[in-house]
């Protein structure tokens, strides 16, 4: 309803995850298996033709693959299918990828921030992510008009007693609409 009263459904264009975050149970297989751009386009067109679908929740663990070689043709296929969508991704996506996501109909992305403590990110095997990267991703998405939701986990190994205060400070500083 946030994006209009559009008939919608959910779908998966990939499965698995190439990251090995310690808390996650969804990184099986331990690689990201992605449908071909043609298969993505055909699936969207099937849903539109047979069910009148005009919007999608892309349920993939990583809806925008960090590799531009993989994400670009997928996003172009979604754009060609002319549909509104939202999904989940990682903060490694570049501005260029976010621009293409926006052009393809992306309205909202959820990202697994998990924690605002860099030491804890290392503890949970998310050392590929840091606060600077997260904030740049959020700023790029916001600048492009893509709404951001962040996913957090409180109580991770190594968090200090002040983690709630640090998290609230991060949310306020970055003007997060939904956590």
N, C-alpha and C. Protein backbone atom coordinates (compact mmCIF):
# COMPACT_ATOMS: atom_id res chain seq x y z
N UNK A 1 0.81 -1.20 0.00
CA UNK A 1 0.00 0.00 0.00
C UNK A 1 0.86 1.27 0.00
N UNK A 2 2.11 1.17 0.44
CA UNK A 2 2.99 2.35 0.46
C UNK A 2 3.28 2.87 -0.94
N UNK A 3 3.11 2.04 -1.95
CA UNK A 3 3.45 2.41 -3.31
C UNK A 3 2.23 2.39 -4.23
N UNK A 4 1.06 2.47 -3.65
CA UNK A 4 -0.17 2.42 -4.41
C UNK A 4 -0.83 1.07 -4.20
N UNK A 5 -2.05 0.97 -4.59
CA UNK A 5 -2.78 -0.30 -4.43
C UNK A 5 -2.51 -1.17 -5.64
N UNK A 6 -1.34 -1.73 -5.69
CA UNK A 6 -0.93 -2.55 -6.83
C UNK A 6 -1.08 -4.03 -6.51
N UNK A 7 -1.67 -4.81 -7.44
CA UNK A 7 -1.69 -6.26 -7.23
C UNK A 7 -0.24 -6.76 -7.21
N UNK A 8 0.12 -7.51 -6.17
CA UNK A 8 1.51 -7.89 -6.00
C UNK A 8 1.64 -9.32 -5.52
N UNK A 9 2.83 -9.84 -5.69
CA UNK A 9 3.18 -11.15 -5.15
C UNK A 9 4.67 -11.13 -4.83
N UNK A 10 5.15 -12.25 -4.34
CA UNK A 10 6.58 -12.35 -4.10
C UNK A 10 7.17 -13.41 -5.02
N UNK A 11 8.46 -13.29 -5.25
CA UNK A 11 9.15 -14.23 -6.11
C UNK A 11 10.61 -14.32 -5.71
N UNK A 12 11.27 -15.35 -6.19
CA UNK A 12 12.71 -15.53 -6.02
C UNK A 12 13.36 -15.58 -7.39
N UNK A 13 14.41 -14.80 -7.58
CA UNK A 13 15.19 -14.87 -8.81
C UNK A 13 16.55 -15.52 -8.55
N UNK A 14 16.84 -15.77 -7.28
CA UNK A 14 18.09 -16.44 -6.92
C UNK A 14 17.87 -17.15 -5.59
N UNK A 15 18.86 -17.95 -5.22
CA UNK A 15 18.83 -18.57 -3.90
C UNK A 15 20.25 -18.74 -3.41
N UNK A 16 20.36 -18.78 -2.10
CA UNK A 16 21.67 -18.92 -1.49
C UNK A 16 22.34 -17.57 -1.26
N UNK A 17 23.57 -17.65 -0.79
CA UNK A 17 24.34 -16.44 -0.50
C UNK A 17 25.81 -16.82 -0.46
N UNK A 18 26.64 -15.94 -1.01
CA UNK A 18 28.07 -16.22 -1.05
C UNK A 18 28.80 -15.77 0.22
N UNK A 19 28.10 -15.05 1.08
CA UNK A 19 28.71 -14.61 2.34
C UNK A 19 28.50 -15.69 3.40
N UNK A 20 29.29 -15.64 4.42
CA UNK A 20 29.24 -16.67 5.46
C UNK A 20 29.01 -16.03 6.83
N UNK A 21 28.01 -15.17 6.88
CA UNK A 21 27.70 -14.49 8.15
C UNK A 21 27.38 -15.54 9.21
N UNK A 22 27.99 -15.42 10.36
CA UNK A 22 27.93 -16.45 11.39
C UNK A 22 26.54 -16.72 11.92
N UNK A 23 25.66 -15.73 11.92
CA UNK A 23 24.33 -15.87 12.50
C UNK A 23 23.30 -16.42 11.52
N UNK A 24 23.62 -16.46 10.24
CA UNK A 24 22.63 -16.72 9.20
C UNK A 24 22.38 -18.21 8.97
N UNK A 25 21.12 -18.53 8.79
CA UNK A 25 20.74 -19.90 8.44
C UNK A 25 20.33 -19.99 6.98
N UNK A 26 20.40 -18.87 6.26
CA UNK A 26 19.91 -18.83 4.89
C UNK A 26 21.02 -18.81 3.85
N UNK A 27 22.25 -19.03 4.25
CA UNK A 27 23.35 -19.02 3.29
C UNK A 27 23.66 -20.42 2.76
N UNK A 28 22.59 -21.16 2.49
CA UNK A 28 22.71 -22.47 1.89
C UNK A 28 21.92 -22.47 0.60
N UNK A 29 22.49 -22.78 -0.53
CA UNK A 29 23.89 -23.14 -0.70
C UNK A 29 24.80 -21.93 -0.46
N UNK A 30 26.07 -22.21 -0.24
CA UNK A 30 27.02 -21.15 0.09
C UNK A 30 27.53 -20.45 -1.16
N UNK A 31 26.63 -20.27 -2.08
CA UNK A 31 26.89 -19.50 -3.30
C UNK A 31 25.56 -18.89 -3.70
N UNK A 32 25.61 -17.91 -4.55
CA UNK A 32 24.38 -17.29 -5.01
C UNK A 32 24.06 -17.84 -6.39
N UNK A 33 23.01 -18.63 -6.47
CA UNK A 33 22.56 -19.21 -7.73
C UNK A 33 21.49 -18.29 -8.30
N UNK A 34 21.73 -17.75 -9.49
CA UNK A 34 20.88 -16.73 -10.07
C UNK A 34 20.23 -17.23 -11.35
N UNK A 35 18.94 -16.94 -11.51
CA UNK A 35 18.26 -17.26 -12.77
C UNK A 35 18.85 -16.41 -13.89
N UNK A 36 18.69 -16.87 -15.10
CA UNK A 36 19.16 -16.09 -16.24
C UNK A 36 18.27 -14.87 -16.42
N UNK A 37 18.78 -13.81 -17.04
CA UNK A 37 17.94 -12.64 -17.31
C UNK A 37 16.67 -13.00 -18.09
N UNK A 38 16.79 -13.91 -19.07
CA UNK A 38 15.61 -14.33 -19.83
C UNK A 38 14.58 -14.99 -18.93
N UNK A 39 15.02 -15.84 -18.01
CA UNK A 39 14.10 -16.51 -17.09
C UNK A 39 13.43 -15.51 -16.15
N UNK A 40 14.17 -14.50 -15.71
CA UNK A 40 13.60 -13.46 -14.85
C UNK A 40 12.51 -12.71 -15.62
N UNK A 41 12.83 -12.29 -16.83
CA UNK A 41 11.87 -11.55 -17.65
C UNK A 41 10.62 -12.40 -17.92
N UNK A 42 10.82 -13.64 -18.30
CA UNK A 42 9.68 -14.52 -18.60
C UNK A 42 8.80 -14.75 -17.38
N UNK A 43 9.41 -14.91 -16.22
CA UNK A 43 8.63 -15.12 -15.00
C UNK A 43 7.77 -13.89 -14.68
N UNK A 44 8.37 -12.71 -14.79
CA UNK A 44 7.60 -11.48 -14.53
C UNK A 44 6.45 -11.35 -15.53
N UNK A 45 6.73 -11.60 -16.80
CA UNK A 45 5.69 -11.46 -17.82
C UNK A 45 4.58 -12.49 -17.59
N UNK A 46 4.93 -13.69 -17.16
CA UNK A 46 3.93 -14.72 -16.85
C UNK A 46 3.02 -14.23 -15.71
N UNK A 47 3.63 -13.69 -14.66
CA UNK A 47 2.86 -13.20 -13.51
C UNK A 47 1.97 -12.03 -13.91
N UNK A 48 2.47 -11.16 -14.76
CA UNK A 48 1.67 -10.01 -15.21
C UNK A 48 0.50 -10.48 -16.06
N UNK A 49 0.78 -11.37 -17.02
CA UNK A 49 -0.25 -11.82 -17.97
C UNK A 49 -1.33 -12.67 -17.28
N UNK A 50 -0.90 -13.63 -16.48
CA UNK A 50 -1.84 -14.59 -15.91
C UNK A 50 -2.49 -14.16 -14.60
N UNK A 51 -1.86 -13.23 -13.87
CA UNK A 51 -2.40 -12.85 -12.57
C UNK A 51 -2.56 -11.34 -12.39
N UNK A 52 -2.23 -10.56 -13.40
CA UNK A 52 -2.38 -9.11 -13.30
C UNK A 52 -1.44 -8.45 -12.31
N UNK A 53 -0.33 -9.09 -12.04
CA UNK A 53 0.64 -8.58 -11.08
C UNK A 53 1.30 -7.31 -11.63
N UNK A 54 1.41 -6.30 -10.77
CA UNK A 54 2.06 -5.04 -11.16
C UNK A 54 3.21 -4.67 -10.24
N UNK A 55 3.40 -5.48 -9.19
CA UNK A 55 4.48 -5.20 -8.24
C UNK A 55 4.99 -6.52 -7.66
N UNK A 56 6.26 -6.51 -7.29
CA UNK A 56 6.90 -7.71 -6.75
C UNK A 56 7.67 -7.40 -5.47
N UNK A 57 7.65 -8.35 -4.57
CA UNK A 57 8.60 -8.40 -3.47
C UNK A 57 9.59 -9.47 -3.87
N UNK A 58 10.81 -9.07 -4.20
CA UNK A 58 11.85 -10.02 -4.59
C UNK A 58 12.45 -10.55 -3.29
N UNK A 59 12.17 -11.81 -2.98
CA UNK A 59 12.51 -12.41 -1.69
C UNK A 59 13.95 -12.94 -1.60
N UNK A 60 14.72 -12.79 -2.65
CA UNK A 60 16.10 -13.26 -2.64
C UNK A 60 16.86 -12.71 -1.44
N UNK A 61 17.80 -13.48 -0.94
CA UNK A 61 18.68 -12.97 0.11
C UNK A 61 19.42 -11.74 -0.38
N UNK A 62 19.85 -11.78 -1.65
CA UNK A 62 20.57 -10.66 -2.25
C UNK A 62 19.93 -10.38 -3.61
N UNK A 63 19.01 -9.43 -3.65
CA UNK A 63 18.27 -9.14 -4.87
C UNK A 63 19.14 -8.44 -5.93
N UNK A 64 20.14 -7.70 -5.49
CA UNK A 64 21.07 -7.06 -6.43
C UNK A 64 22.45 -7.65 -6.18
N UNK A 65 22.85 -8.55 -7.04
CA UNK A 65 24.14 -9.23 -6.88
C UNK A 65 25.26 -8.19 -6.86
N UNK A 66 26.24 -8.33 -5.97
CA UNK A 66 27.35 -7.37 -5.91
C UNK A 66 28.17 -7.28 -7.19
N UNK A 67 28.18 -8.34 -8.00
CA UNK A 67 28.90 -8.32 -9.27
C UNK A 67 28.05 -7.62 -10.34
N UNK A 68 28.59 -6.56 -10.90
CA UNK A 68 27.86 -5.84 -11.97
C UNK A 68 27.62 -6.73 -13.17
N UNK A 69 28.53 -7.66 -13.44
CA UNK A 69 28.35 -8.57 -14.57
C UNK A 69 27.08 -9.40 -14.43
N UNK A 70 26.73 -9.70 -13.20
CA UNK A 70 25.52 -10.49 -12.94
C UNK A 70 24.31 -9.58 -12.73
N UNK A 71 24.47 -8.52 -11.94
CA UNK A 71 23.32 -7.68 -11.61
C UNK A 71 22.81 -6.86 -12.78
N UNK A 72 23.69 -6.38 -13.64
CA UNK A 72 23.25 -5.51 -14.74
C UNK A 72 22.25 -6.20 -15.66
N UNK A 73 22.53 -7.38 -16.22
CA UNK A 73 21.53 -7.98 -17.11
C UNK A 73 20.24 -8.38 -16.40
N UNK A 74 20.32 -8.73 -15.11
CA UNK A 74 19.11 -9.07 -14.35
C UNK A 74 18.26 -7.81 -14.18
N UNK A 75 18.88 -6.71 -13.76
CA UNK A 75 18.14 -5.46 -13.58
C UNK A 75 17.59 -4.95 -14.90
N UNK A 76 18.31 -5.14 -15.97
CA UNK A 76 17.81 -4.74 -17.29
C UNK A 76 16.60 -5.58 -17.69
N UNK A 77 16.61 -6.85 -17.33
CA UNK A 77 15.45 -7.72 -17.62
C UNK A 77 14.24 -7.27 -16.82
N UNK A 78 14.45 -6.92 -15.55
CA UNK A 78 13.34 -6.43 -14.72
C UNK A 78 12.81 -5.12 -15.30
N UNK A 79 13.71 -4.25 -15.72
CA UNK A 79 13.30 -2.97 -16.31
C UNK A 79 12.48 -3.20 -17.57
N UNK A 80 12.90 -4.13 -18.41
CA UNK A 80 12.17 -4.42 -19.65
C UNK A 80 10.77 -4.97 -19.35
N UNK A 81 10.61 -5.63 -18.21
CA UNK A 81 9.32 -6.20 -17.85
C UNK A 81 8.38 -5.14 -17.25
N UNK A 82 8.91 -3.97 -16.94
CA UNK A 82 8.10 -2.83 -16.50
C UNK A 82 7.24 -3.17 -15.28
N UNK A 83 7.91 -3.34 -14.14
CA UNK A 83 7.20 -3.69 -12.91
C UNK A 83 7.82 -2.94 -11.73
N UNK A 84 7.03 -2.65 -10.73
CA UNK A 84 7.50 -2.04 -9.50
C UNK A 84 7.98 -3.17 -8.58
N UNK A 85 9.09 -2.96 -7.87
CA UNK A 85 9.57 -4.02 -6.99
C UNK A 85 10.32 -3.45 -5.79
N UNK A 86 10.44 -4.31 -4.79
CA UNK A 86 11.28 -4.05 -3.63
C UNK A 86 11.94 -5.35 -3.23
N UNK A 87 13.05 -5.26 -2.52
CA UNK A 87 13.76 -6.47 -2.15
C UNK A 87 14.81 -6.20 -1.10
N UNK A 88 15.68 -7.17 -0.93
CA UNK A 88 16.76 -7.10 0.05
C UNK A 88 18.08 -7.20 -0.69
N UNK A 89 19.09 -6.50 -0.23
CA UNK A 89 20.39 -6.56 -0.86
C UNK A 89 21.48 -6.33 0.18
N UNK A 90 22.69 -6.13 -0.29
CA UNK A 90 23.83 -5.88 0.59
C UNK A 90 24.36 -4.47 0.34
N UNK A 91 25.08 -3.95 1.31
CA UNK A 91 25.59 -2.58 1.22
C UNK A 91 26.79 -2.46 0.28
N UNK A 92 27.19 -3.53 -0.36
CA UNK A 92 28.29 -3.48 -1.33
C UNK A 92 27.86 -2.94 -2.68
N UNK A 93 26.55 -2.80 -2.90
CA UNK A 93 26.08 -2.30 -4.20
C UNK A 93 26.56 -0.87 -4.42
N UNK A 94 27.01 -0.63 -5.65
CA UNK A 94 27.53 0.69 -6.02
C UNK A 94 26.38 1.63 -6.39
N UNK A 95 26.70 2.90 -6.50
CA UNK A 95 25.70 3.88 -6.94
C UNK A 95 25.19 3.50 -8.33
N UNK A 96 26.08 3.08 -9.20
CA UNK A 96 25.68 2.67 -10.56
C UNK A 96 24.65 1.54 -10.51
N UNK A 97 24.88 0.57 -9.64
CA UNK A 97 23.91 -0.53 -9.50
C UNK A 97 22.59 -0.01 -8.95
N UNK A 98 22.65 0.90 -7.99
CA UNK A 98 21.43 1.46 -7.43
C UNK A 98 20.68 2.30 -8.46
N UNK A 99 21.41 3.01 -9.32
CA UNK A 99 20.76 3.77 -10.39
C UNK A 99 20.00 2.84 -11.33
N UNK A 100 20.61 1.72 -11.66
CA UNK A 100 19.95 0.75 -12.53
C UNK A 100 18.76 0.10 -11.82
N UNK A 101 18.91 -0.16 -10.53
CA UNK A 101 17.80 -0.71 -9.76
C UNK A 101 16.62 0.26 -9.78
N UNK A 102 16.90 1.52 -9.55
CA UNK A 102 15.84 2.54 -9.58
C UNK A 102 15.17 2.57 -10.95
N UNK A 103 15.97 2.57 -12.01
CA UNK A 103 15.42 2.58 -13.38
C UNK A 103 14.59 1.33 -13.66
N UNK A 104 14.90 0.24 -12.98
CA UNK A 104 14.19 -1.02 -13.20
C UNK A 104 12.88 -1.11 -12.42
N UNK A 105 12.59 -0.08 -11.61
CA UNK A 105 11.34 -0.07 -10.86
C UNK A 105 11.49 -0.27 -9.37
N UNK A 106 12.72 -0.33 -8.87
CA UNK A 106 12.95 -0.54 -7.43
C UNK A 106 12.49 0.66 -6.63
N UNK A 107 11.67 0.39 -5.63
CA UNK A 107 11.15 1.44 -4.75
C UNK A 107 11.76 1.37 -3.36
N UNK A 108 12.21 0.16 -2.96
CA UNK A 108 12.66 -0.01 -1.58
C UNK A 108 13.63 -1.18 -1.49
N UNK A 109 14.65 -1.00 -0.65
CA UNK A 109 15.61 -2.07 -0.39
C UNK A 109 15.81 -2.22 1.11
N UNK A 110 15.82 -3.44 1.56
CA UNK A 110 16.20 -3.76 2.93
C UNK A 110 17.65 -4.22 2.90
N UNK A 111 18.42 -3.80 3.90
CA UNK A 111 19.82 -4.22 3.98
C UNK A 111 20.13 -4.73 5.38
N UNK A 112 20.94 -5.77 5.41
CA UNK A 112 21.34 -6.38 6.67
C UNK A 112 22.50 -5.64 7.28
N UNK A 113 22.22 -4.58 7.99
CA UNK A 113 23.27 -3.85 8.71
C UNK A 113 23.73 -4.72 9.88
N UNK A 114 22.80 -5.34 10.57
CA UNK A 114 22.98 -6.24 11.71
C UNK A 114 23.49 -5.52 12.95
N UNK A 115 24.63 -4.80 12.85
CA UNK A 115 25.21 -4.12 14.00
C UNK A 115 25.92 -2.86 13.54
N UNK A 116 26.05 -1.89 14.44
CA UNK A 116 26.78 -0.66 14.13
C UNK A 116 28.17 -0.67 14.79
N UNK A 117 28.58 -1.84 15.25
CA UNK A 117 29.88 -2.01 15.90
C UNK A 117 30.80 -2.79 14.96
N UNK A 118 31.87 -2.14 14.51
CA UNK A 118 32.79 -2.75 13.54
C UNK A 118 33.43 -4.02 14.09
N UNK A 119 33.78 -4.04 15.35
CA UNK A 119 34.37 -5.25 15.95
C UNK A 119 33.39 -6.40 15.89
N UNK A 120 32.13 -6.13 16.18
CA UNK A 120 31.11 -7.17 16.14
C UNK A 120 30.90 -7.65 14.71
N UNK A 121 30.99 -6.75 13.72
CA UNK A 121 30.88 -7.17 12.32
C UNK A 121 31.93 -8.24 12.02
N UNK A 122 33.13 -8.06 12.54
CA UNK A 122 34.18 -9.06 12.36
C UNK A 122 33.82 -10.35 13.09
N UNK A 123 33.27 -10.23 14.28
CA UNK A 123 32.89 -11.41 15.06
C UNK A 123 31.86 -12.28 14.35
N UNK A 124 30.99 -11.65 13.56
CA UNK A 124 29.92 -12.39 12.88
C UNK A 124 30.23 -12.66 11.41
N UNK A 125 31.49 -12.51 11.04
CA UNK A 125 31.96 -12.76 9.67
C UNK A 125 31.36 -11.80 8.65
N UNK A 126 31.13 -10.56 9.06
CA UNK A 126 30.69 -9.52 8.12
C UNK A 126 31.77 -8.46 8.00
N UNK A 127 33.03 -8.89 8.02
CA UNK A 127 34.13 -7.95 7.94
C UNK A 127 34.20 -7.25 6.59
N UNK A 128 33.46 -7.72 5.61
CA UNK A 128 33.39 -7.07 4.30
C UNK A 128 32.54 -5.80 4.36
N UNK A 129 31.89 -5.55 5.48
CA UNK A 129 31.02 -4.39 5.64
C UNK A 129 31.54 -3.50 6.76
N UNK A 130 31.44 -2.18 6.59
CA UNK A 130 31.81 -1.25 7.64
C UNK A 130 30.83 -0.07 7.64
N UNK A 131 30.91 0.75 8.66
CA UNK A 131 29.95 1.85 8.81
C UNK A 131 30.02 2.85 7.67
N UNK A 132 31.22 3.15 7.19
CA UNK A 132 31.37 4.08 6.08
C UNK A 132 30.64 3.56 4.84
N UNK A 133 30.81 2.29 4.55
CA UNK A 133 30.16 1.66 3.40
C UNK A 133 28.64 1.68 3.56
N UNK A 134 28.16 1.36 4.76
CA UNK A 134 26.73 1.35 5.03
C UNK A 134 26.14 2.75 4.81
N UNK A 135 26.81 3.75 5.38
CA UNK A 135 26.30 5.12 5.26
C UNK A 135 26.34 5.62 3.82
N UNK A 136 27.36 5.24 3.07
CA UNK A 136 27.43 5.63 1.65
C UNK A 136 26.29 4.97 0.87
N UNK A 137 26.05 3.70 1.13
CA UNK A 137 24.95 2.99 0.47
C UNK A 137 23.62 3.68 0.76
N UNK A 138 23.38 3.98 2.04
CA UNK A 138 22.12 4.63 2.43
C UNK A 138 21.99 5.98 1.75
N UNK A 139 23.05 6.77 1.74
CA UNK A 139 23.01 8.10 1.12
C UNK A 139 22.74 7.99 -0.38
N UNK A 140 23.40 7.04 -1.05
CA UNK A 140 23.17 6.86 -2.49
C UNK A 140 21.73 6.46 -2.77
N UNK A 141 21.23 5.51 -2.02
CA UNK A 141 19.85 5.06 -2.22
C UNK A 141 18.87 6.20 -1.98
N UNK A 142 19.05 6.90 -0.88
CA UNK A 142 18.16 8.02 -0.55
C UNK A 142 18.20 9.07 -1.65
N UNK A 143 19.40 9.40 -2.12
CA UNK A 143 19.56 10.40 -3.18
C UNK A 143 18.81 10.00 -4.45
N UNK A 144 18.72 8.69 -4.70
CA UNK A 144 18.05 8.19 -5.89
C UNK A 144 16.55 7.97 -5.67
N UNK A 145 16.09 8.17 -4.45
CA UNK A 145 14.67 7.98 -4.17
C UNK A 145 14.29 6.54 -3.86
N UNK A 146 15.27 5.73 -3.48
CA UNK A 146 14.99 4.35 -3.07
C UNK A 146 14.90 4.35 -1.54
N UNK A 147 13.79 3.90 -1.05
CA UNK A 147 13.58 3.85 0.40
C UNK A 147 14.42 2.71 0.99
N UNK A 148 14.97 2.95 2.17
CA UNK A 148 15.83 1.95 2.81
C UNK A 148 15.22 1.49 4.13
N UNK A 149 15.27 0.19 4.32
CA UNK A 149 14.93 -0.44 5.60
C UNK A 149 16.20 -1.15 6.05
N UNK A 150 16.52 -1.04 7.32
CA UNK A 150 17.70 -1.75 7.80
C UNK A 150 17.29 -2.86 8.75
N UNK A 151 18.03 -3.96 8.67
CA UNK A 151 17.80 -5.10 9.55
C UNK A 151 18.91 -5.10 10.60
N UNK A 152 18.51 -5.23 11.85
CA UNK A 152 19.44 -5.18 12.97
C UNK A 152 19.27 -6.40 13.85
N UNK A 153 20.35 -6.78 14.51
CA UNK A 153 20.31 -7.85 15.50
C UNK A 153 20.98 -7.29 16.76
N UNK A 154 20.27 -7.27 17.85
CA UNK A 154 20.86 -6.85 19.11
C UNK A 154 21.16 -8.09 19.94
N UNK A 155 22.30 -8.08 20.62
CA UNK A 155 22.70 -9.22 21.44
C UNK A 155 23.74 -10.10 20.77
N UNK A 156 24.42 -9.56 19.78
CA UNK A 156 25.47 -10.33 19.10
C UNK A 156 26.72 -10.43 19.96
N UNK A 157 27.53 -11.47 19.77
CA UNK A 157 28.74 -11.64 20.56
C UNK A 157 29.68 -10.45 20.44
N UNK A 158 30.10 -9.92 21.57
CA UNK A 158 31.06 -8.82 21.60
C UNK A 158 30.44 -7.44 21.70
N UNK A 159 29.11 -7.35 21.67
CA UNK A 159 28.49 -6.03 21.77
C UNK A 159 28.65 -5.48 23.18
N UNK A 160 28.93 -4.18 23.26
CA UNK A 160 29.04 -3.53 24.55
C UNK A 160 27.68 -3.18 25.11
N UNK A 161 27.68 -2.78 26.35
CA UNK A 161 26.43 -2.42 27.01
C UNK A 161 25.79 -1.19 26.38
N UNK A 162 26.58 -0.41 25.64
CA UNK A 162 26.08 0.82 25.01
C UNK A 162 25.58 0.61 23.57
N UNK A 163 25.41 -0.64 23.15
CA UNK A 163 25.05 -0.92 21.76
C UNK A 163 23.71 -0.31 21.38
N UNK A 164 22.75 -0.30 22.29
CA UNK A 164 21.45 0.28 21.97
C UNK A 164 21.60 1.78 21.71
N UNK A 165 22.35 2.47 22.55
CA UNK A 165 22.57 3.91 22.35
C UNK A 165 23.29 4.17 21.03
N UNK A 166 24.32 3.38 20.72
CA UNK A 166 25.04 3.54 19.45
C UNK A 166 24.12 3.29 18.26
N UNK A 167 23.24 2.30 18.39
CA UNK A 167 22.32 1.96 17.31
C UNK A 167 21.31 3.08 17.10
N UNK A 168 20.77 3.61 18.17
CA UNK A 168 19.82 4.73 18.06
C UNK A 168 20.51 5.94 17.44
N UNK A 169 21.73 6.21 17.85
CA UNK A 169 22.49 7.33 17.28
C UNK A 169 22.68 7.14 15.77
N UNK A 170 23.02 5.91 15.35
CA UNK A 170 23.19 5.61 13.93
C UNK A 170 21.89 5.82 13.17
N UNK A 171 20.78 5.34 13.72
CA UNK A 171 19.47 5.48 13.08
C UNK A 171 19.10 6.95 12.92
N UNK A 172 19.31 7.73 13.97
CA UNK A 172 18.98 9.15 13.91
C UNK A 172 19.90 9.90 12.95
N UNK A 173 21.21 9.62 13.01
CA UNK A 173 22.18 10.29 12.14
C UNK A 173 21.87 10.04 10.67
N UNK A 174 21.49 8.82 10.35
CA UNK A 174 21.24 8.44 8.95
C UNK A 174 19.76 8.55 8.54
N UNK A 175 18.95 9.08 9.46
CA UNK A 175 17.53 9.31 9.19
C UNK A 175 16.84 8.07 8.62
N UNK A 176 17.06 6.95 9.30
CA UNK A 176 16.48 5.67 8.88
C UNK A 176 14.98 5.70 9.16
N UNK A 177 14.19 5.40 8.14
CA UNK A 177 12.73 5.40 8.29
C UNK A 177 12.20 4.14 8.93
N UNK A 178 12.90 3.02 8.71
CA UNK A 178 12.40 1.75 9.19
C UNK A 178 13.56 0.85 9.58
N UNK A 179 13.51 0.31 10.78
CA UNK A 179 14.55 -0.61 11.24
C UNK A 179 13.88 -1.82 11.85
